[in-house]
C-alpha cells in the first residue's frame, strides 16, 4: 500500500509527535512518502530528524509549488492521502483535493484533526467553519483526538469522524523508582510550545506567588521554543525568578525521555481557552516517566483521570496553583498513585 502524508508543519516539529510518530509507524508497514511545510522562522524547533523517510519540504503558499505537488502526487498514485491537521485539504475551496481526485478517483482522502482551530474572533470562526463544511464532502474519513475538536472545525458533528485515543510507547522510558510511601516534589518540569496562546506568563505569575520558603527549595524548568521565548525570558528576569524558573530551548526526543526521570513532577499547564477538550500527550509522557502529573483541571485532564490515571489538579489561578504545589512539597504525592 502507498500512503502519502501531507503536513503544514515541518517534519519533526516540537509538539507534533502525533504526526511524526504516526508517519514513522506507518512507514514500517507501507510505502510512505511525506510532503511537509518549510520552516517559517528561526523559532522552529525540530526534536527528531527524518531518518530514512522520504520527506520533501515545500512552500504550500507558492502557486507553482502547489502545482508541482499535485503532479508529483498523481505520478506516485498513492492508495491513501493523509492530511495531518492544517487547512491544506480545503484551502482555496479544496482545489488541492479536487485536482487530485479528478485524476485519482480511487484514492482515499483522510483528514486528521490534531488540534482545535486557533482563531481570535467569532467572525473568524464562522468563516473558517463554513469553508470547512463546504469542502467536507471531499473527504472519505476524519480522525481526531476528540469530537469537540471536530465540532470546532466544522461547526457541527461530522458523520465521518472517528476518535482515537492518545498513547505513548512506554518501552522508550526508564521511569524513576517509586518511593515507599510518598513523593516529595522539589524538581518540576514543563515542556511545551513557548507561545502567547499558552499563557505561560500566567504560569510564571503563579510560581512567583509561592511562599519565599518554598521558592528557595524548588526549581521549575521550562523546555520549549517559539515566538514568545525572549518575552518569557524577560518576564522571568523582571520577576527575579532566575534560578527558580529556568528556561531552556527544546531538546530532541531521546534527550527528553532520558531527562524526564530526573524530575519529581511534570506540570501540565493548559489554558482553558482553545485547549479545554484537547487531550495532552505530554501528560502521558510525564506519567510514563514516573513523574507526578500536576495539571490544569481541563475537561481533557479530568477524562484522563476517569480512565484510570491519578493526577494532581489545580485551577489556572494563583490560589489554586500555589496550594497544589505547596501540598506536593510539604505532604507529597502518594506513591501508590504513581503507575
C-alpha atoms as a PDB file:
ATOM      1  CA  UNK A   1       0.000   0.000   0.000  1.00  0.00           C
ATOM      2  CA  UNK A   2       1.174   3.516  -0.817  1.00  0.00           C
ATOM      3  CA  UNK A   3       0.384   6.291   1.674  1.00  0.00           C
ATOM      4  CA  UNK A   4       1.172   9.963   1.072  1.00  0.00           C
ATOM      5  CA  UNK A   5       1.220  12.219   4.131  1.00  0.00           C
ATOM      6  CA  UNK A   6       0.736  15.979   3.734  1.00  0.00           C
ATOM      7  CA  UNK A   7       1.511  18.268   6.663  1.00  0.00           C
ATOM      8  CA  UNK A   8       1.514  22.049   7.041  1.00  0.00           C
ATOM      9  CA  UNK A   9       4.276  21.745   9.642  1.00  0.00           C
ATOM     10  CA  UNK A  10       7.948  20.906   9.147  1.00  0.00           C
ATOM     11  CA  UNK A  11       8.612  17.242   9.895  1.00  0.00           C
ATOM     12  CA  UNK A  12       9.742  16.616  13.480  1.00  0.00           C
ATOM     13  CA  UNK A  13       8.412  19.910  14.818  1.00  0.00           C
ATOM     14  CA  UNK A  14       8.260  20.153  18.601  1.00  0.00           C
ATOM     15  CA  UNK A  15       4.758  19.402  19.871  1.00  0.00           C
ATOM     16  CA  UNK A  16       3.769  17.237  16.882  1.00  0.00           C
ATOM     17  CA  UNK A  17       4.694  13.668  17.921  1.00  0.00           C
ATOM     18  CA  UNK A  18       1.201  12.595  16.899  1.00  0.00           C
ATOM     19  CA  UNK A  19       2.311  13.334  13.333  1.00  0.00           C
ATOM     20  CA  UNK A  20       5.936  12.226  13.096  1.00  0.00           C
ATOM     21  CA  UNK A  21       5.491   9.124  15.276  1.00  0.00           C
ATOM     22  CA  UNK A  22       2.406   8.119  13.282  1.00  0.00           C
ATOM     23  CA  UNK A  23       4.263   8.511   9.990  1.00  0.00           C
ATOM     24  CA  UNK A  24       7.255   6.536  11.260  1.00  0.00           C
ATOM     25  CA  UNK A  25       4.937   3.730  12.427  1.00  0.00           C
ATOM     26  CA  UNK A  26       3.157   3.531   9.067  1.00  0.00           C
ATOM     27  CA  UNK A  27       6.499   3.521   7.259  1.00  0.00           C
ATOM     28  CA  UNK A  28       7.201   0.105   8.783  1.00  0.00           C
ATOM     29  CA  UNK A  29       4.003  -1.270   7.258  1.00  0.00           C
ATOM     30  CA  UNK A  30       3.561   0.571   3.982  1.00  0.00           C
ATOM     31  CA  UNK A  31       5.313   2.528   1.232  1.00  0.00           C
ATOM     32  CA  UNK A  32       5.223   6.034   2.711  1.00  0.00           C
ATOM     33  CA  UNK A  33       6.260   9.453   1.500  1.00  0.00           C
ATOM     34  CA  UNK A  34       5.785  12.869   3.109  1.00  0.00           C
ATOM     35  CA  UNK A  35       5.273  16.434   1.924  1.00  0.00           C
ATOM     36  CA  UNK A  36       5.880  18.862   4.783  1.00  0.00           C
ATOM     37  CA  UNK A  37       5.995  22.614   5.161  1.00  0.00           C
ATOM     38  CA  UNK A  38       9.240  24.545   5.143  1.00  0.00           C
ATOM     39  CA  UNK A  39      10.317  26.212   8.436  1.00  0.00           C
ATOM     40  CA  UNK A  40       8.876  29.729   8.529  1.00  0.00           C
ATOM     41  CA  UNK A  41      11.174  31.371  11.085  1.00  0.00           C
ATOM     42  CA  UNK A  42      14.088  30.937  13.490  1.00  0.00           C
ATOM     43  CA  UNK A  43      11.791  29.802  16.313  1.00  0.00           C
ATOM     44  CA  UNK A  44      11.053  26.456  14.645  1.00  0.00           C
ATOM     45  CA  UNK A  45      12.418  23.621  16.796  1.00  0.00           C
ATOM     46  CA  UNK A  46      12.760  20.088  15.498  1.00  0.00           C
ATOM     47  CA  UNK A  47      13.012  17.304  18.069  1.00  0.00           C
ATOM     48  CA  UNK A  48      13.543  14.413  15.649  1.00  0.00           C
ATOM     49  CA  UNK A  49      15.015  14.028  12.167  1.00  0.00           C
ATOM     50  CA  UNK A  50      13.609  12.420   9.039  1.00  0.00           C
ATOM     51  CA  UNK A  51      15.734   9.278   9.321  1.00  0.00           C
ATOM     52  CA  UNK A  52      15.185   7.107   6.229  1.00  0.00           C
ATOM     53  CA  UNK A  53      11.808   8.627   5.411  1.00  0.00           C
ATOM     54  CA  UNK A  54      11.129  10.165   2.022  1.00  0.00           C
ATOM     55  CA  UNK A  55      10.349  13.749   3.109  1.00  0.00           C
ATOM     56  CA  UNK A  56      10.058  16.692   0.705  1.00  0.00           C
ATOM     57  CA  UNK A  57       9.661  20.224   2.076  1.00  0.00           C
ATOM     58  CA  UNK A  58       7.654  22.672   0.018  1.00  0.00           C
ATOM     59  CA  UNK A  59       6.152  26.140   0.330  1.00  0.00           C
ATOM     60  CA  UNK A  60       2.413  25.489   0.097  1.00  0.00           C
ATOM     61  CA  UNK A  61       1.680  29.182  -0.414  1.00  0.00           C
ATOM     62  CA  UNK A  62       3.615  29.219  -3.676  1.00  0.00           C
ATOM     63  CA  UNK A  63       1.296  28.516  -6.640  1.00  0.00           C
ATOM     64  CA  UNK A  64       3.990  26.844  -8.735  1.00  0.00           C
ATOM     65  CA  UNK A  65       4.994  24.548  -5.869  1.00  0.00           C
ATOM     66  CA  UNK A  66       1.359  23.594  -5.243  1.00  0.00           C
ATOM     67  CA  UNK A  67       1.017  22.783  -8.945  1.00  0.00           C
ATOM     68  CA  UNK A  68       4.206  20.702  -8.768  1.00  0.00           C
ATOM     69  CA  UNK A  69       2.843  18.938  -5.664  1.00  0.00           C
ATOM     70  CA  UNK A  70      -0.329  17.874  -7.496  1.00  0.00           C
ATOM     71  CA  UNK A  71       1.653  16.474 -10.436  1.00  0.00           C
ATOM     72  CA  UNK A  72       4.076  14.691  -8.116  1.00  0.00           C
ATOM     73  CA  UNK A  73       1.279  13.034  -6.145  1.00  0.00           C
ATOM     74  CA  UNK A  74      -0.576  11.961  -9.283  1.00  0.00           C
ATOM     75  CA  UNK A  75       2.611  10.391 -10.657  1.00  0.00           C
ATOM     76  CA  UNK A  76       3.127   8.492  -7.413  1.00  0.00           C
ATOM     77  CA  UNK A  77      -0.504   7.248  -7.472  1.00  0.00           C
ATOM     78  CA  UNK A  78      -0.977   6.633  -3.696  1.00  0.00           C
ATOM     79  CA  UNK A  79      -3.766   4.482  -2.287  1.00  0.00           C
ATOM     80  CA  UNK A  80      -4.295   6.913   0.607  1.00  0.00           C
ATOM     81  CA  UNK A  81      -3.597  10.631   1.033  1.00  0.00           C
ATOM     82  CA  UNK A  82      -3.431  11.543   4.702  1.00  0.00           C
ATOM     83  CA  UNK A  83      -3.711  15.228   5.664  1.00  0.00           C
ATOM     84  CA  UNK A  84      -2.206  15.922   9.104  1.00  0.00           C
ATOM     85  CA  UNK A  85      -4.255  18.812  10.524  1.00  0.00           C
ATOM     86  CA  UNK A  86      -3.818  22.231   8.943  1.00  0.00           C
ATOM     87  CA  UNK A  87      -6.138  23.618   6.274  1.00  0.00           C
ATOM     88  CA  UNK A  88      -4.429  22.377   3.104  1.00  0.00           C
ATOM     89  CA  UNK A  89      -7.220  19.910   2.357  1.00  0.00           C
ATOM     90  CA  UNK A  90      -9.760  22.706   1.900  1.00  0.00           C
ATOM     91  CA  UNK A  91      -7.762  25.907   1.213  1.00  0.00           C
ATOM     92  CA  UNK A  92      -8.793  27.711  -1.987  1.00  0.00           C
ATOM     93  CA  UNK A  93     -12.125  25.849  -1.984  1.00  0.00           C
ATOM     94  CA  UNK A  94     -10.461  22.460  -1.850  1.00  0.00           C
ATOM     95  CA  UNK A  95      -8.567  22.889  -5.115  1.00  0.00           C
ATOM     96  CA  UNK A  96      -5.817  20.517  -3.975  1.00  0.00           C
ATOM     97  CA  UNK A  97      -8.157  17.597  -3.342  1.00  0.00           C
ATOM     98  CA  UNK A  98     -10.370  18.384  -6.317  1.00  0.00           C
ATOM     99  CA  UNK A  99      -7.430  18.443  -8.709  1.00  0.00           C
ATOM    100  CA  UNK A 100      -6.067  15.139  -7.405  1.00  0.00           C
ATOM    101  CA  UNK A 101      -9.455  13.391  -7.084  1.00  0.00           C
ATOM    102  CA  UNK A 102     -10.269  14.220 -10.676  1.00  0.00           C
ATOM    103  CA  UNK A 103      -7.202  12.249 -11.762  1.00  0.00           C
ATOM    104  CA  UNK A 104      -7.061   9.658  -8.964  1.00  0.00           C
ATOM    105  CA  UNK A 105     -10.756   8.849  -8.306  1.00  0.00           C
ATOM    106  CA  UNK A 106      -9.998   5.686  -6.307  1.00  0.00           C
ATOM    107  CA  UNK A 107      -7.562   7.284  -3.848  1.00  0.00           C
ATOM    108  CA  UNK A 108      -8.844   7.608  -0.277  1.00  0.00           C
ATOM    109  CA  UNK A 109      -8.564  11.062   1.341  1.00  0.00           C
ATOM    110  CA  UNK A 110      -8.231  11.242   5.126  1.00  0.00           C
ATOM    111  CA  UNK A 111      -8.044  14.288   7.410  1.00  0.00           C
ATOM    112  CA  UNK A 112      -6.522  14.008  10.906  1.00  0.00           C
ATOM    113  CA  UNK A 113      -7.566  16.838  13.266  1.00  0.00           C
ATOM    114  CA  UNK A 114      -4.788  17.160  15.820  1.00  0.00           C
ATOM    115  CA  UNK A 115      -5.763  20.488  17.385  1.00  0.00           C
ATOM    116  CA  UNK A 116      -8.671  22.927  17.560  1.00  0.00           C
ATOM    117  CA  UNK A 117      -8.596  25.873  15.139  1.00  0.00           C
ATOM    118  CA  UNK A 118      -6.800  28.739  16.891  1.00  0.00           C
ATOM    119  CA  UNK A 119      -8.702  31.872  15.892  1.00  0.00           C
ATOM    120  CA  UNK A 120      -9.369  35.139  17.684  1.00  0.00           C
ATOM    121  CA  UNK A 121     -12.944  36.222  16.872  1.00  0.00           C
ATOM    122  CA  UNK A 122     -16.367  34.649  16.403  1.00  0.00           C
ATOM    123  CA  UNK A 123     -16.447  36.039  12.861  1.00  0.00           C
ATOM    124  CA  UNK A 124     -13.218  34.249  12.004  1.00  0.00           C
ATOM    125  CA  UNK A 125     -14.597  31.004  13.466  1.00  0.00           C
ATOM    126  CA  UNK A 126     -17.824  31.225  11.444  1.00  0.00           C
ATOM    127  CA  UNK A 127     -15.939  31.895   8.205  1.00  0.00           C
ATOM    128  CA  UNK A 128     -13.465  29.096   8.959  1.00  0.00           C
ATOM    129  CA  UNK A 129     -16.226  26.594   9.749  1.00  0.00           C
ATOM    130  CA  UNK A 130     -18.237  27.467   6.629  1.00  0.00           C
ATOM    131  CA  UNK A 131     -15.212  26.917   4.405  1.00  0.00           C
ATOM    132  CA  UNK A 132     -14.538  23.587   6.140  1.00  0.00           C
ATOM    133  CA  UNK A 133     -18.163  22.430   5.726  1.00  0.00           C
ATOM    134  CA  UNK A 134     -18.167  23.419   2.042  1.00  0.00           C
ATOM    135  CA  UNK A 135     -15.288  21.014   1.390  1.00  0.00           C
ATOM    136  CA  UNK A 136     -16.359  18.265   3.808  1.00  0.00           C
ATOM    137  CA  UNK A 137     -17.737  16.077   1.019  1.00  0.00           C
ATOM    138  CA  UNK A 138     -14.227  15.828  -0.465  1.00  0.00           C
ATOM    139  CA  UNK A 139     -13.043  13.696   2.449  1.00  0.00           C
ATOM    140  CA  UNK A 140     -13.507   9.946   2.828  1.00  0.00           C
ATOM    141  CA  UNK A 141     -12.669   9.906   6.539  1.00  0.00           C
ATOM    142  CA  UNK A 142     -11.868  12.129   9.526  1.00  0.00           C
ATOM    143  CA  UNK A 143      -9.791  11.179  12.579  1.00  0.00           C
ATOM    144  CA  UNK A 144      -9.464  13.240  15.753  1.00  0.00           C
ATOM    145  CA  UNK A 145      -8.459  13.117  19.423  1.00  0.00           C
ATOM    146  CA  UNK A 146     -11.870  14.464  20.467  1.00  0.00           C
ATOM    147  CA  UNK A 147     -15.304  15.111  18.987  1.00  0.00           C
ATOM    148  CA  UNK A 148     -15.153  18.659  20.348  1.00  0.00           C
ATOM    149  CA  UNK A 149     -12.230  19.413  18.019  1.00  0.00           C
ATOM    150  CA  UNK A 150     -14.295  18.100  15.101  1.00  0.00           C
ATOM    151  CA  UNK A 151     -17.207  20.379  16.015  1.00  0.00           C
ATOM    152  CA  UNK A 152     -14.825  23.346  16.331  1.00  0.00           C
ATOM    153  CA  UNK A 153     -13.581  22.699  12.800  1.00  0.00           C
ATOM    154  CA  UNK A 154     -16.955  22.208  11.134  1.00  0.00           C
ATOM    155  CA  UNK A 155     -19.386  23.985  13.444  1.00  0.00           C
ATOM    156  CA  UNK A 156     -21.307  20.718  13.802  1.00  0.00           C
ATOM    157  CA  UNK A 157     -20.578  16.999  14.346  1.00  0.00           C
ATOM    158  CA  UNK A 158     -19.118  15.323  11.253  1.00  0.00           C
ATOM    159  CA  UNK A 159     -20.632  11.922  10.414  1.00  0.00           C
ATOM    160  CA  UNK A 160     -17.314  10.616   9.029  1.00  0.00           C
ATOM    161  CA  UNK A 161     -15.353  11.321  12.241  1.00  0.00           C
ATOM    162  CA  UNK A 162     -13.656   8.629  14.328  1.00  0.00           C
ATOM    163  CA  UNK A 163     -11.980   9.362  17.673  1.00  0.00           C
ATOM    164  CA  UNK A 164      -8.677   7.686  18.536  1.00  0.00           C
ATOM    165  CA  UNK A 165      -7.026   7.544  21.985  1.00  0.00           C
ATOM    166  CA  UNK A 166      -3.594   9.032  22.638  1.00  0.00           C
ATOM    167  CA  UNK A 167      -0.789   6.821  23.866  1.00  0.00           C
ATOM    168  CA  UNK A 168       2.962   6.633  24.395  1.00  0.00           C
ATOM    169  CA  UNK A 169       5.498   3.882  23.768  1.00  0.00           C
ATOM    170  CA  UNK A 170       6.378   3.007  27.352  1.00  0.00           C
ATOM    171  CA  UNK A 171       9.407   0.992  26.216  1.00  0.00           C
ATOM    172  CA  UNK A 172      11.104   4.307  25.369  1.00  0.00           C
ATOM    173  CA  UNK A 173      11.135   5.329  29.041  1.00  0.00           C
ATOM    174  CA  UNK A 174      13.152   4.220  32.044  1.00  0.00           C
ATOM    175  CA  UNK A 175      10.828   5.536  34.761  1.00  0.00           C
ATOM    176  CA  UNK A 176      12.283   6.694  38.048  1.00  0.00           C
ATOM    177  CA  UNK A 177      11.951   4.473  41.091  1.00  0.00           C
ATOM    178  CA  UNK A 178       8.771   4.768  43.140  1.00  0.00           C
ATOM    179  CA  UNK A 179       9.186   5.840  46.765  1.00  0.00           C
ATOM    180  CA  UNK A 180       7.938   3.631  49.595  1.00  0.00           C
ATOM    181  CA  UNK A 181       5.228   5.999  50.835  1.00  0.00           C
ATOM    182  CA  UNK A 182       5.047   9.367  49.094  1.00  0.00           C
ATOM    183  CA  UNK A 183       6.905  11.545  46.593  1.00  0.00           C
ATOM    184  CA  UNK A 184       8.012  14.912  47.995  1.00  0.00           C
ATOM    185  CA  UNK A 185       8.237  17.198  44.977  1.00  0.00           C
ATOM    186  CA  UNK A 186      11.029  19.738  44.616  1.00  0.00           C
ATOM    187  CA  UNK A 187      12.041  19.463  40.970  1.00  0.00           C
ATOM    188  CA  UNK A 188       9.339  20.389  38.455  1.00  0.00           C
ATOM    189  CA  UNK A 189       9.407  20.415  34.659  1.00  0.00           C
ATOM    190  CA  UNK A 190       7.161  21.939  31.998  1.00  0.00           C
ATOM    191  CA  UNK A 191       7.511  21.041  28.316  1.00  0.00           C
ATOM    192  CA  UNK A 192       5.617  22.747  25.518  1.00  0.00           C
ATOM    193  CA  UNK A 193       5.447  25.457  22.897  1.00  0.00           C
ATOM    194  CA  UNK A 194       6.515  28.921  24.058  1.00  0.00           C
ATOM    195  CA  UNK A 195       3.615  30.801  22.524  1.00  0.00           C
ATOM    196  CA  UNK A 196       1.332  33.547  23.808  1.00  0.00           C
ATOM    197  CA  UNK A 197      -1.694  31.285  23.434  1.00  0.00           C
ATOM    198  CA  UNK A 198      -0.178  29.005  26.092  1.00  0.00           C
ATOM    199  CA  UNK A 199      -0.398  31.850  28.643  1.00  0.00           C
ATOM    200  CA  UNK A 200       2.930  30.982  30.224  1.00  0.00           C
ATOM    201  CA  UNK A 201       3.117  34.493  31.656  1.00  0.00           C
ATOM    202  CA  UNK A 202       0.293  33.423  33.980  1.00  0.00           C
ATOM    203  CA  UNK A 203       2.233  30.293  34.934  1.00  0.00           C
ATOM    204  CA  UNK A 204       5.250  32.464  35.818  1.00  0.00           C
ATOM    205  CA  UNK A 205       2.995  34.703  37.942  1.00  0.00           C
ATOM    206  CA  UNK A 206       1.651  31.643  39.760  1.00  0.00           C
ATOM    207  CA  UNK A 207       5.145  30.328  40.509  1.00  0.00           C
ATOM    208  CA  UNK A 208       6.231  33.793  41.677  1.00  0.00           C
ATOM    209  CA  UNK A 209       3.287  33.770  44.132  1.00  0.00           C
ATOM    210  CA  UNK A 210       4.621  30.739  46.033  1.00  0.00           C
ATOM    211  CA  UNK A 211       5.890  31.415  49.555  1.00  0.00           C
ATOM    212  CA  UNK A 212       9.509  32.528  49.809  1.00  0.00           C
ATOM    213  CA  UNK A 213      10.444  29.489  51.897  1.00  0.00           C
ATOM    214  CA  UNK A 214       9.215  27.107  49.183  1.00  0.00           C
ATOM    215  CA  UNK A 215      10.735  29.095  46.315  1.00  0.00           C
ATOM    216  CA  UNK A 216      14.131  28.700  47.969  1.00  0.00           C
ATOM    217  CA  UNK A 217      13.827  24.914  47.801  1.00  0.00           C
ATOM    218  CA  UNK A 218      12.264  24.165  44.409  1.00  0.00           C
ATOM    219  CA  UNK A 219      13.115  24.572  40.734  1.00  0.00           C
ATOM    220  CA  UNK A 220      10.806  24.750  37.738  1.00  0.00           C
ATOM    221  CA  UNK A 221      12.496  24.053  34.403  1.00  0.00           C
ATOM    222  CA  UNK A 222      10.657  25.119  31.247  1.00  0.00           C
ATOM    223  CA  UNK A 223      11.643  23.482  27.947  1.00  0.00           C
ATOM    224  CA  UNK A 224      10.343  24.738  24.641  1.00  0.00           C
ATOM    225  CA  UNK A 225      10.718  27.017  21.659  1.00  0.00           C
ATOM    226  CA  UNK A 226       8.520  29.573  19.987  1.00  0.00           C
ATOM    227  CA  UNK A 227       7.969  33.259  19.210  1.00  0.00           C
ATOM    228  CA  UNK A 228       7.338  34.151  22.881  1.00  0.00           C
ATOM    229  CA  UNK A 229      10.681  32.774  24.126  1.00  0.00           C
ATOM    230  CA  UNK A 230      12.514  36.099  24.546  1.00  0.00           C
ATOM    231  CA  UNK A 231       9.471  37.779  26.114  1.00  0.00           C
ATOM    232  CA  UNK A 232       9.109  34.955  28.620  1.00  0.00           C
ATOM    233  CA  UNK A 233      12.816  35.134  29.372  1.00  0.00           C
ATOM    234  CA  UNK A 234      12.450  38.870  30.087  1.00  0.00           C
ATOM    235  CA  UNK A 235       9.431  38.272  32.328  1.00  0.00           C
ATOM    236  CA  UNK A 236      11.311  35.689  34.402  1.00  0.00           C
ATOM    237  CA  UNK A 237      14.158  38.175  34.821  1.00  0.00           C
ATOM    238  CA  UNK A 238      11.753  41.005  35.680  1.00  0.00           C
ATOM    239  CA  UNK A 239      10.131  38.853  38.371  1.00  0.00           C
ATOM    240  CA  UNK A 240      13.606  37.971  39.715  1.00  0.00           C
ATOM    241  CA  UNK A 241      12.778  34.307  39.364  1.00  0.00           C
ATOM    242  CA  UNK A 242      16.054  33.251  37.755  1.00  0.00           C
ATOM    243  CA  UNK A 243      17.417  30.094  39.379  1.00  0.00           C
ATOM    244  CA  UNK A 244      13.894  29.147  40.437  1.00  0.00           C
ATOM    245  CA  UNK A 245      12.411  29.205  36.935  1.00  0.00           C
ATOM    246  CA  UNK A 246      14.916  28.079  34.320  1.00  0.00           C
ATOM    247  CA  UNK A 247      14.050  28.479  30.635  1.00  0.00           C
ATOM    248  CA  UNK A 248      15.682  26.144  28.118  1.00  0.00           C
ATOM    249  CA  UNK A 249      15.381  25.658  24.370  1.00  0.00           C
ATOM    250  CA  UNK A 250      13.782  22.459  23.078  1.00  0.00           C
ATOM    251  CA  UNK A 251      15.786  19.251  23.119  1.00  0.00           C
ATOM    252  CA  UNK A 252      15.344  16.172  20.959  1.00  0.00           C
ATOM    253  CA  UNK A 253      13.025  13.362  21.962  1.00  0.00           C
ATOM    254  CA  UNK A 254      15.728  10.912  23.052  1.00  0.00           C
ATOM    255  CA  UNK A 255      17.321  13.529  25.318  1.00  0.00           C
ATOM    256  CA  UNK A 256      13.922  14.445  26.713  1.00  0.00           C
ATOM    257  CA  UNK A 257      12.966  10.883  27.610  1.00  0.00           C
ATOM    258  CA  UNK A 258      16.343  10.387  29.286  1.00  0.00           C
ATOM    259  CA  UNK A 259      15.981  13.651  31.224  1.00  0.00           C
ATOM    260  CA  UNK A 260      12.400  13.291  32.479  1.00  0.00           C
ATOM    261  CA  UNK A 261      13.031  10.689  35.244  1.00  0.00           C
ATOM    262  CA  UNK A 262      15.405  13.134  36.980  1.00  0.00           C
ATOM    263  CA  UNK A 263      12.378  15.272  37.942  1.00  0.00           C
ATOM    264  CA  UNK A 264       9.787  14.759  40.659  1.00  0.00           C
ATOM    265  CA  UNK A 265       6.756  16.187  38.867  1.00  0.00           C
ATOM    266  CA  UNK A 266       5.640  17.378  35.437  1.00  0.00           C
ATOM    267  CA  UNK A 267       3.474  20.495  35.088  1.00  0.00           C
ATOM    268  CA  UNK A 268       0.628  20.231  32.604  1.00  0.00           C
ATOM    269  CA  UNK A 269      -0.309  23.914  32.376  1.00  0.00           C
ATOM    270  CA  UNK A 270      -3.114  24.094  29.802  1.00  0.00           C
ATOM    271  CA  UNK A 271      -5.205  27.244  29.119  1.00  0.00           C
ATOM    272  CA  UNK A 272      -8.951  26.648  29.134  1.00  0.00           C
ATOM    273  CA  UNK A 273      -9.381  28.771  26.001  1.00  0.00           C
ATOM    274  CA  UNK A 274      -8.934  26.612  22.875  1.00  0.00           C
ATOM    275  CA  UNK A 275      -7.446  23.645  24.776  1.00  0.00           C
ATOM    276  CA  UNK A 276     -10.094  22.647  27.336  1.00  0.00           C
ATOM    277  CA  UNK A 277     -11.043  19.458  25.473  1.00  0.00           C
ATOM    278  CA  UNK A 278      -7.622  18.764  23.951  1.00  0.00           C
ATOM    279  CA  UNK A 279      -6.014  15.556  25.293  1.00  0.00           C
ATOM    280  CA  UNK A 280      -2.423  16.095  26.456  1.00  0.00           C
ATOM    281  CA  UNK A 281       0.231  13.712  25.165  1.00  0.00           C
ATOM    282  CA  UNK A 282       2.819  15.457  27.339  1.00  0.00           C
ATOM    283  CA  UNK A 283       0.904  14.485  30.494  1.00  0.00           C
ATOM    284  CA  UNK A 284       1.008  10.845  29.392  1.00  0.00           C
ATOM    285  CA  UNK A 285       4.773  11.182  28.890  1.00  0.00           C
ATOM    286  CA  UNK A 286       5.150  12.546  32.425  1.00  0.00           C
ATOM    287  CA  UNK A 287       3.266   9.526  33.740  1.00  0.00           C
ATOM    288  CA  UNK A 288       5.291   7.080  31.622  1.00  0.00           C
ATOM    289  CA  UNK A 289       8.496   8.575  33.063  1.00  0.00           C
ATOM    290  CA  UNK A 290       7.244   8.040  36.624  1.00  0.00           C
ATOM    291  CA  UNK A 291       6.613  11.720  37.396  1.00  0.00           C
ATOM    292  CA  UNK A 292       3.745  13.171  39.405  1.00  0.00           C
ATOM    293  CA  UNK A 293       1.400  14.792  36.859  1.00  0.00           C
ATOM    294  CA  UNK A 294       0.326  18.157  38.304  1.00  0.00           C
ATOM    295  CA  UNK A 295      -2.124  19.563  35.784  1.00  0.00           C
ATOM    296  CA  UNK A 296      -4.766  22.142  34.931  1.00  0.00           C
ATOM    297  CA  UNK A 297      -8.307  20.956  35.632  1.00  0.00           C
ATOM    298  CA  UNK A 298      -9.335  20.892  31.971  1.00  0.00           C
ATOM    299  CA  UNK A 299     -12.086  18.602  30.727  1.00  0.00           C
ATOM    300  CA  UNK A 300      -9.458  16.542  28.868  1.00  0.00           C
ATOM    301  CA  UNK A 301      -7.383  16.018  32.033  1.00  0.00           C
ATOM    302  CA  UNK A 302     -10.486  15.092  34.019  1.00  0.00           C
ATOM    303  CA  UNK A 303     -11.325  12.494  31.361  1.00  0.00           C
ATOM    304  CA  UNK A 304      -7.785  11.141  31.657  1.00  0.00           C
ATOM    305  CA  UNK A 305      -8.274  10.611  35.381  1.00  0.00           C
ATOM    306  CA  UNK A 306     -11.623   8.952  34.745  1.00  0.00           C
ATOM    307  CA  UNK A 307      -9.804   6.462  32.504  1.00  0.00           C
ATOM    308  CA  UNK A 308      -7.718   5.272  35.472  1.00  0.00           C
ATOM    309  CA  UNK A 309      -4.771   7.666  35.919  1.00  0.00           C
ATOM    310  CA  UNK A 310      -4.158   9.628  39.121  1.00  0.00           C
ATOM    311  CA  UNK A 311      -3.490  13.335  38.651  1.00  0.00           C
ATOM    312  CA  UNK A 312      -2.839  16.303  40.939  1.00  0.00           C
ATOM    313  CA  UNK A 313      -5.198  19.051  39.761  1.00  0.00           C
ATOM    314  CA  UNK A 314      -5.087  22.821  40.025  1.00  0.00           C
ATOM    315  CA  UNK A 315      -7.225  25.594  38.578  1.00  0.00           C
ATOM    316  CA  UNK A 316      -5.409  28.187  36.484  1.00  0.00           C
ATOM    317  CA  UNK A 317      -5.157  30.833  39.177  1.00  0.00           C
ATOM    318  CA  UNK A 318      -2.535  31.687  41.793  1.00  0.00           C
ATOM    319  CA  UNK A 319      -4.542  30.492  44.814  1.00  0.00           C
ATOM    320  CA  UNK A 320      -5.218  27.019  43.458  1.00  0.00           C
ATOM    321  CA  UNK A 321      -1.818  26.586  41.797  1.00  0.00           C
ATOM    322  CA  UNK A 322       0.202  27.582  44.874  1.00  0.00           C
ATOM    323  CA  UNK A 323      -1.937  25.355  47.101  1.00  0.00           C
ATOM    324  CA  UNK A 324      -1.316  22.385  44.815  1.00  0.00           C
ATOM    325  CA  UNK A 325       2.465  22.910  44.598  1.00  0.00           C
ATOM    326  CA  UNK A 326       2.765  23.551  48.336  1.00  0.00           C
ATOM    327  CA  UNK A 327       0.835  20.357  49.056  1.00  0.00           C
ATOM    328  CA  UNK A 328       3.213  18.366  46.841  1.00  0.00           C
ATOM    329  CA  UNK A 329       6.200  19.979  48.540  1.00  0.00           C
ATOM    330  CA  UNK A 330       5.012  19.502  52.126  1.00  0.00           C
ATOM    331  CA  UNK A 331       2.837  16.374  52.092  1.00  0.00           C
ATOM    332  CA  UNK A 332       3.903  14.808  48.832  1.00  0.00           C
ATOM    333  CA  UNK A 333       2.026  12.604  46.377  1.00  0.00           C
ATOM    334  CA  UNK A 334       1.044   9.066  47.500  1.00  0.00           C
ATOM    335  CA  UNK A 335       3.387   6.528  45.921  1.00  0.00           C
ATOM    336  CA  UNK A 336       0.515   4.094  45.421  1.00  0.00           C
ATOM    337  CA  UNK A 337      -0.997   6.504  42.896  1.00  0.00           C
ATOM    338  CA  UNK A 338       2.119   6.546  40.712  1.00  0.00           C
ATOM    339  CA  UNK A 339       1.682   3.982  37.945  1.00  0.00           C
END
